[in-house]
Amino acid sequence: MTLNEALAEREAIRLLAGVGGDREWWIYSRGRVGHLRIPVTAEEYELIPPGCVVADAGESGPERPRTRR
């Protein structure tokens, strides 16, 4: 992992703290764009406006326990 990749991952973890469940998936797509994917809870799902929820975000990396800060 490069310095930029590590920085992107730390920032994503910080911004998503307190959101979602207890698992996460971190992947890099073409162009080395990082994606931290987390499942939303049932309560969070209900707060998302219609049409904004993506049920399947596509490929995901290895599942891991949620990173805590």
PDB file of N, CA and C in Angstrom:
ATOM      1  N   MET A   1       0.856  -1.169   0.000  1.00  0.00           N
ATOM      2  CA  MET A   1       0.000   0.000   0.000  1.00  0.00           C
ATOM      3  C   MET A   1       0.902   1.234   0.000  1.00  0.00           C
ATOM      4  N   THR A   2       0.622   2.162  -0.888  1.00  0.00           N
ATOM      5  CA  THR A   2       1.421   3.379  -0.956  1.00  0.00           C
ATOM      6  C   THR A   2       0.958   4.356   0.119  1.00  0.00           C
ATOM      7  N   LEU A   3       1.724   5.422   0.283  1.00  0.00           N
ATOM      8  CA  LEU A   3       1.375   6.453   1.249  1.00  0.00           C
ATOM      9  C   LEU A   3       0.010   7.066   0.917  1.00  0.00           C
ATOM     10  N   ASN A   4      -0.245   7.356  -0.368  1.00  0.00           N
ATOM     11  CA  ASN A   4      -1.520   7.941  -0.773  1.00  0.00           C
ATOM     12  C   ASN A   4      -2.683   6.981  -0.516  1.00  0.00           C
ATOM     13  N   GLU A   5      -2.469   5.693  -0.772  1.00  0.00           N
ATOM     14  CA  GLU A   5      -3.516   4.704  -0.512  1.00  0.00           C
ATOM     15  C   GLU A   5      -3.824   4.626   0.976  1.00  0.00           C
ATOM     16  N   ALA A   6      -2.788   4.630   1.798  1.00  0.00           N
ATOM     17  CA  ALA A   6      -2.987   4.576   3.247  1.00  0.00           C
ATOM     18  C   ALA A   6      -3.719   5.822   3.739  1.00  0.00           C
ATOM     19  N   LEU A   7      -3.370   6.977   3.201  1.00  0.00           N
ATOM     20  CA  LEU A   7      -4.030   8.228   3.580  1.00  0.00           C
ATOM     21  C   LEU A   7      -5.507   8.199   3.179  1.00  0.00           C
ATOM     22  N   ALA A   8      -5.792   7.735   1.976  1.00  0.00           N
ATOM     23  CA  ALA A   8      -7.188   7.649   1.511  1.00  0.00           C
ATOM     24  C   ALA A   8      -7.995   6.719   2.403  1.00  0.00           C
ATOM     25  N   GLU A   9      -7.414   5.591   2.775  1.00  0.00           N
ATOM     26  CA  GLU A   9      -8.118   4.647   3.632  1.00  0.00           C
ATOM     27  C   GLU A   9      -8.375   5.247   5.008  1.00  0.00           C
ATOM     28  N   ARG A  10      -7.390   5.898   5.598  1.00  0.00           N
ATOM     29  CA  ARG A  10      -7.582   6.526   6.914  1.00  0.00           C
ATOM     30  C   ARG A  10      -8.680   7.584   6.872  1.00  0.00           C
ATOM     31  N   GLU A  11      -8.700   8.388   5.810  1.00  0.00           N
ATOM     32  CA  GLU A  11      -9.699   9.449   5.687  1.00  0.00           C
ATOM     33  C   GLU A  11     -11.103   8.860   5.511  1.00  0.00           C
ATOM     34  N   ALA A  12     -11.229   7.817   4.715  1.00  0.00           N
ATOM     35  CA  ALA A  12     -12.532   7.171   4.524  1.00  0.00           C
ATOM     36  C   ALA A  12     -13.031   6.588   5.845  1.00  0.00           C
ATOM     37  N   ILE A  13     -12.160   5.962   6.587  1.00  0.00           N
ATOM     38  CA  ILE A  13     -12.533   5.398   7.883  1.00  0.00           C
ATOM     39  C   ILE A  13     -12.985   6.502   8.826  1.00  0.00           C
ATOM     40  N   ARG A  14     -12.293   7.628   8.832  1.00  0.00           N
ATOM     41  CA  ARG A  14     -12.668   8.754   9.690  1.00  0.00           C
ATOM     42  C   ARG A  14     -14.040   9.291   9.308  1.00  0.00           C
ATOM     43  N   LEU A  15     -14.268   9.484   8.019  1.00  0.00           N
ATOM     44  CA  LEU A  15     -15.531  10.071   7.563  1.00  0.00           C
ATOM     45  C   LEU A  15     -16.732   9.155   7.778  1.00  0.00           C
ATOM     46  N   LEU A  16     -16.499   7.855   7.802  1.00  0.00           N
ATOM     47  CA  LEU A  16     -17.603   6.910   7.965  1.00  0.00           C
ATOM     48  C   LEU A  16     -17.731   6.380   9.393  1.00  0.00           C
ATOM     49  N   ALA A  17     -16.979   6.940  10.313  1.00  0.00           N
ATOM     50  CA  ALA A  17     -17.071   6.506  11.714  1.00  0.00           C
ATOM     51  C   ALA A  17     -18.495   6.708  12.214  1.00  0.00           C
ATOM     52  N   GLY A  18     -19.022   5.707  12.871  1.00  0.00           N
ATOM     53  CA  GLY A  18     -20.366   5.802  13.430  1.00  0.00           C
ATOM     54  C   GLY A  18     -21.476   5.465  12.452  1.00  0.00           C
ATOM     55  N   VAL A  19     -21.138   5.104  11.226  1.00  0.00           N
ATOM     56  CA  VAL A  19     -22.132   4.744  10.215  1.00  0.00           C
ATOM     57  C   VAL A  19     -21.978   3.271   9.886  1.00  0.00           C
ATOM     58  N   GLY A  20     -23.096   2.583   9.698  1.00  0.00           N
ATOM     59  CA  GLY A  20     -23.051   1.215   9.207  1.00  0.00           C
ATOM     60  C   GLY A  20     -22.839   0.168  10.272  1.00  0.00           C
ATOM     61  N   GLY A  21     -22.668  -1.047   9.781  1.00  0.00           N
ATOM     62  CA  GLY A  21     -22.538  -2.215  10.648  1.00  0.00           C
ATOM     63  C   GLY A  21     -21.119  -2.462  11.109  1.00  0.00           C
ATOM     64  N   ASP A  22     -20.835  -3.729  11.427  1.00  0.00           N
ATOM     65  CA  ASP A  22     -19.540  -4.072  12.028  1.00  0.00           C
ATOM     66  C   ASP A  22     -18.580  -4.742  11.050  1.00  0.00           C
ATOM     67  N   ARG A  23     -18.879  -4.692   9.749  1.00  0.00           N
ATOM     68  CA  ARG A  23     -18.002  -5.264   8.719  1.00  0.00           C
ATOM     69  C   ARG A  23     -17.711  -4.187   7.688  1.00  0.00           C
ATOM     70  N   GLU A  24     -16.615  -4.356   6.930  1.00  0.00           N
ATOM     71  CA  GLU A  24     -16.289  -3.427   5.859  1.00  0.00           C
ATOM     72  C   GLU A  24     -15.513  -4.156   4.776  1.00  0.00           C
ATOM     73  N   TRP A  25     -15.459  -3.531   3.612  1.00  0.00           N
ATOM     74  CA  TRP A  25     -14.734  -4.052   2.468  1.00  0.00           C
ATOM     75  C   TRP A  25     -13.998  -2.890   1.835  1.00  0.00           C
ATOM     76  N   TRP A  26     -12.697  -3.018   1.645  1.00  0.00           N
ATOM     77  CA  TRP A  26     -11.892  -1.958   1.031  1.00  0.00           C
ATOM     78  C   TRP A  26     -11.361  -2.485  -0.284  1.00  0.00           C
ATOM     79  N   ILE A  27     -11.615  -1.760  -1.371  1.00  0.00           N
ATOM     80  CA  ILE A  27     -11.107  -2.188  -2.674  1.00  0.00           C
ATOM     81  C   ILE A  27     -10.556  -0.985  -3.418  1.00  0.00           C
ATOM     82  N   TYR A  28      -9.738  -1.267  -4.423  1.00  0.00           N
ATOM     83  CA  TYR A  28      -9.260  -0.244  -5.343  1.00  0.00           C
ATOM     84  C   TYR A  28      -9.755  -0.603  -6.729  1.00  0.00           C
ATOM     85  N   SER A  29     -10.336   0.373  -7.414  1.00  0.00           N
ATOM     86  CA  SER A  29     -10.781   0.159  -8.782  1.00  0.00           C
ATOM     87  C   SER A  29      -9.705   0.652  -9.731  1.00  0.00           C
ATOM     88  N   ARG A  30     -10.005   0.599 -11.016  1.00  0.00           N
ATOM     89  CA  ARG A  30      -9.051   1.103 -12.009  1.00  0.00           C
ATOM     90  C   ARG A  30      -8.681   2.543 -11.679  1.00  0.00           C
ATOM     91  N   GLY A  31      -7.465   2.901 -11.940  1.00  0.00           N
ATOM     92  CA  GLY A  31      -6.999   4.248 -11.638  1.00  0.00           C
ATOM     93  C   GLY A  31      -6.640   4.422 -10.172  1.00  0.00           C
ATOM     94  N   ARG A  32      -6.590   3.317  -9.445  1.00  0.00           N
ATOM     95  CA  ARG A  32      -6.218   3.303  -8.026  1.00  0.00           C
ATOM     96  C   ARG A  32      -7.134   4.194  -7.195  1.00  0.00           C
ATOM     97  N   VAL A  33      -8.434   4.162  -7.495  1.00  0.00           N
ATOM     98  CA  VAL A  33      -9.423   4.881  -6.704  1.00  0.00           C
ATOM     99  C   VAL A  33      -9.909   3.942  -5.609  1.00  0.00           C
ATOM    100  N   GLY A  34      -9.773   4.381  -4.362  1.00  0.00           N
ATOM    101  CA  GLY A  34     -10.151   3.535  -3.234  1.00  0.00           C
ATOM    102  C   GLY A  34     -11.619   3.670  -2.880  1.00  0.00           C
ATOM    103  N   HIS A  35     -12.199   2.546  -2.478  1.00  0.00           N
ATOM    104  CA  HIS A  35     -13.595   2.518  -2.061  1.00  0.00           C
ATOM    105  C   HIS A  35     -13.687   1.739  -0.753  1.00  0.00           C
ATOM    106  N   LEU A  36     -14.192   2.382   0.278  1.00  0.00           N
ATOM    107  CA  LEU A  36     -14.474   1.696   1.530  1.00  0.00           C
ATOM    108  C   LEU A  36     -15.971   1.443   1.549  1.00  0.00           C
ATOM    109  N   ARG A  37     -16.354   0.192   1.564  1.00  0.00           N
ATOM    110  CA  ARG A  37     -17.771  -0.154   1.526  1.00  0.00           C
ATOM    111  C   ARG A  37     -18.188  -0.702   2.878  1.00  0.00           C
ATOM    112  N   ILE A  38     -19.334  -0.220   3.334  1.00  0.00           N
ATOM    113  CA  ILE A  38     -19.889  -0.673   4.602  1.00  0.00           C
ATOM    114  C   ILE A  38     -21.376  -0.932   4.421  1.00  0.00           C
ATOM    115  N   PRO A  39     -21.914  -1.916   5.145  1.00  0.00           N
ATOM    116  CA  PRO A  39     -23.357  -2.118   5.082  1.00  0.00           C
ATOM    117  C   PRO A  39     -24.044  -1.128   6.012  1.00  0.00           C
ATOM    118  N   VAL A  40     -25.162  -0.560   5.577  1.00  0.00           N
ATOM    119  CA  VAL A  40     -25.910   0.327   6.459  1.00  0.00           C
ATOM    120  C   VAL A  40     -26.839  -0.515   7.329  1.00  0.00           C
ATOM    121  N   THR A  41     -27.162   0.022   8.486  1.00  0.00           N
ATOM    122  CA  THR A  41     -28.088  -0.667   9.371  1.00  0.00           C
ATOM    123  C   THR A  41     -29.508  -0.454   8.857  1.00  0.00           C
ATOM    124  N   ALA A  42     -30.459  -1.224   9.367  1.00  0.00           N
ATOM    125  CA  ALA A  42     -31.862  -1.080   8.964  1.00  0.00           C
ATOM    126  C   ALA A  42     -32.368   0.327   9.276  1.00  0.00           C
ATOM    127  N   GLU A  43     -31.961   0.865  10.409  1.00  0.00           N
ATOM    128  CA  GLU A  43     -32.376   2.214  10.791  1.00  0.00           C
ATOM    129  C   GLU A  43     -31.809   3.263   9.831  1.00  0.00           C
ATOM    130  N   GLU A  44     -30.536   3.102   9.455  1.00  0.00           N
ATOM    131  CA  GLU A  44     -29.916   4.036   8.508  1.00  0.00           C
ATOM    132  C   GLU A  44     -30.585   3.936   7.137  1.00  0.00           C
ATOM    133  N   TYR A  45     -30.911   2.724   6.731  1.00  0.00           N
ATOM    134  CA  TYR A  45     -31.563   2.502   5.444  1.00  0.00           C
ATOM    135  C   TYR A  45     -32.864   3.300   5.354  1.00  0.00           C
ATOM    136  N   GLU A  46     -33.619   3.317   6.421  1.00  0.00           N
ATOM    137  CA  GLU A  46     -34.896   4.024   6.449  1.00  0.00           C
ATOM    138  C   GLU A  46     -34.721   5.546   6.332  1.00  0.00           C
ATOM    139  N   LEU A  47     -33.559   6.068   6.685  1.00  0.00           N
ATOM    140  CA  LEU A  47     -33.297   7.508   6.615  1.00  0.00           C
ATOM    141  C   LEU A  47     -32.845   7.979   5.234  1.00  0.00           C
ATOM    142  N   ILE A  48     -32.516   7.033   4.357  1.00  0.00           N
ATOM    143  CA  ILE A  48     -32.004   7.384   3.027  1.00  0.00           C
ATOM    144  C   ILE A  48     -33.185   7.641   2.097  1.00  0.00           C
ATOM    145  N   PRO A  49     -33.194   8.784   1.389  1.00  0.00           N
ATOM    146  CA  PRO A  49     -34.305   9.089   0.484  1.00  0.00           C
ATOM    147  C   PRO A  49     -34.462   8.028  -0.609  1.00  0.00           C
ATOM    148  N   PRO A  50     -35.695   7.813  -1.082  1.00  0.00           N
ATOM    149  CA  PRO A  50     -35.926   6.843  -2.164  1.00  0.00           C
ATOM    150  C   PRO A  50     -35.048   7.149  -3.381  1.00  0.00           C
ATOM    151  N   GLY A  51     -34.530   6.101  -3.984  1.00  0.00           N
ATOM    152  CA  GLY A  51     -33.704   6.267  -5.174  1.00  0.00           C
ATOM    153  C   GLY A  51     -32.232   6.487  -4.900  1.00  0.00           C
ATOM    154  N   CYS A  52     -31.858   6.652  -3.646  1.00  0.00           N
ATOM    155  CA  CYS A  52     -30.454   6.901  -3.309  1.00  0.00           C
ATOM    156  C   CYS A  52     -29.741   5.666  -2.767  1.00  0.00           C
ATOM    157  N   VAL A  53     -30.467   4.608  -2.522  1.00  0.00           N
ATOM    158  CA  VAL A  53     -29.871   3.404  -1.944  1.00  0.00           C
ATOM    159  C   VAL A  53     -29.382   2.487  -3.054  1.00  0.00           C
ATOM    160  N   VAL A  54     -28.161   2.015  -2.922  1.00  0.00           N
ATOM    161  CA  VAL A  54     -27.620   1.041  -3.847  1.00  0.00           C
ATOM    162  C   VAL A  54     -27.590  -0.293  -3.111  1.00  0.00           C
ATOM    163  N   ALA A  55     -28.398  -1.224  -3.567  1.00  0.00           N
ATOM    164  CA  ALA A  55     -28.475  -2.520  -2.896  1.00  0.00           C
ATOM    165  C   ALA A  55     -27.228  -3.357  -3.160  1.00  0.00           C
ATOM    166  N   ASP A  56     -26.641  -3.208  -4.336  1.00  0.00           N
ATOM    167  CA  ASP A  56     -25.448  -3.972  -4.674  1.00  0.00           C
ATOM    168  C   ASP A  56     -24.461  -3.036  -5.345  1.00  0.00           C
ATOM    169  N   ALA A  57     -23.390  -2.733  -4.658  1.00  0.00           N
ATOM    170  CA  ALA A  57     -22.407  -1.790  -5.192  1.00  0.00           C
ATOM    171  C   ALA A  57     -21.400  -2.451  -6.110  1.00  0.00           C
ATOM    172  N   GLY A  58     -21.594  -3.711  -6.436  1.00  0.00           N
ATOM    173  CA  GLY A  58     -20.673  -4.387  -7.351  1.00  0.00           C
ATOM    174  C   GLY A  58     -19.588  -5.130  -6.600  1.00  0.00           C
ATOM    175  N   GLU A  59     -18.451  -5.255  -7.251  1.00  0.00           N
ATOM    176  CA  GLU A  59     -17.342  -6.017  -6.667  1.00  0.00           C
ATOM    177  C   GLU A  59     -16.930  -5.448  -5.325  1.00  0.00           C
ATOM    178  N   SER A  60     -16.466  -6.308  -4.465  1.00  0.00           N
ATOM    179  CA  SER A  60     -15.941  -5.853  -3.186  1.00  0.00           C
ATOM    180  C   SER A  60     -14.689  -6.643  -2.859  1.00  0.00           C
ATOM    181  N   GLY A  61     -13.866  -6.051  -2.045  1.00  0.00           N
ATOM    182  CA  GLY A  61     -12.639  -6.705  -1.629  1.00  0.00           C
ATOM    183  C   GLY A  61     -12.914  -7.675  -0.498  1.00  0.00           C
ATOM    184  N   PRO A  62     -11.876  -8.164   0.144  1.00  0.00           N
ATOM    185  CA  PRO A  62     -12.054  -9.103   1.240  1.00  0.00           C
ATOM    186  C   PRO A  62     -12.790  -8.450   2.412  1.00  0.00           C
ATOM    187  N   GLU A  63     -13.747  -9.173   2.946  1.00  0.00           N
ATOM    188  CA  GLU A  63     -14.483  -8.678   4.109  1.00  0.00           C
ATOM    189  C   GLU A  63     -13.563  -8.680   5.317  1.00  0.00           C
ATOM    190  N   ARG A  64     -13.713  -7.666   6.157  1.00  0.00           N
ATOM    191  CA  ARG A  64     -12.893  -7.594   7.368  1.00  0.00           C
ATOM    192  C   ARG A  64     -13.714  -6.932   8.470  1.00  0.00           C
ATOM    193  N   PRO A  65     -13.306  -7.121   9.722  1.00  0.00           N
ATOM    194  CA  PRO A  65     -13.998  -6.409  10.818  1.00  0.00           C
ATOM    195  C   PRO A  65     -13.864  -4.916  10.610  1.00  0.00           C
ATOM    196  N   ARG A  66     -14.827  -4.178  11.092  1.00  0.00           N
ATOM    197  CA  ARG A  66     -14.845  -2.735  10.931  1.00  0.00           C
ATOM    198  C   ARG A  66     -13.645  -2.095  11.615  1.00  0.00           C
ATOM    199  N   THR A  67     -12.960  -1.203  10.905  1.00  0.00           N
ATOM    200  CA  THR A  67     -11.837  -0.462  11.450  1.00  0.00           C
ATOM    201  C   THR A  67     -12.378   0.606  12.403  1.00  0.00           C
ATOM    202  N   ARG A  68     -11.871   0.651  13.592  1.00  0.00           N
ATOM    203  CA  ARG A  68     -12.294   1.663  14.577  1.00  0.00           C
ATOM    204  C   ARG A  68     -11.147   2.624  14.797  1.00  0.00           C
ATOM    205  N   ARG A  69     -11.503   3.873  15.001  1.00  0.00           N
ATOM    206  CA  ARG A  69     -10.485   4.893  15.280  1.00  0.00           C
ATOM    207  C   ARG A  69     -10.465   5.198  16.745  1.00  0.00           C
TER     208      ARG A  69
END
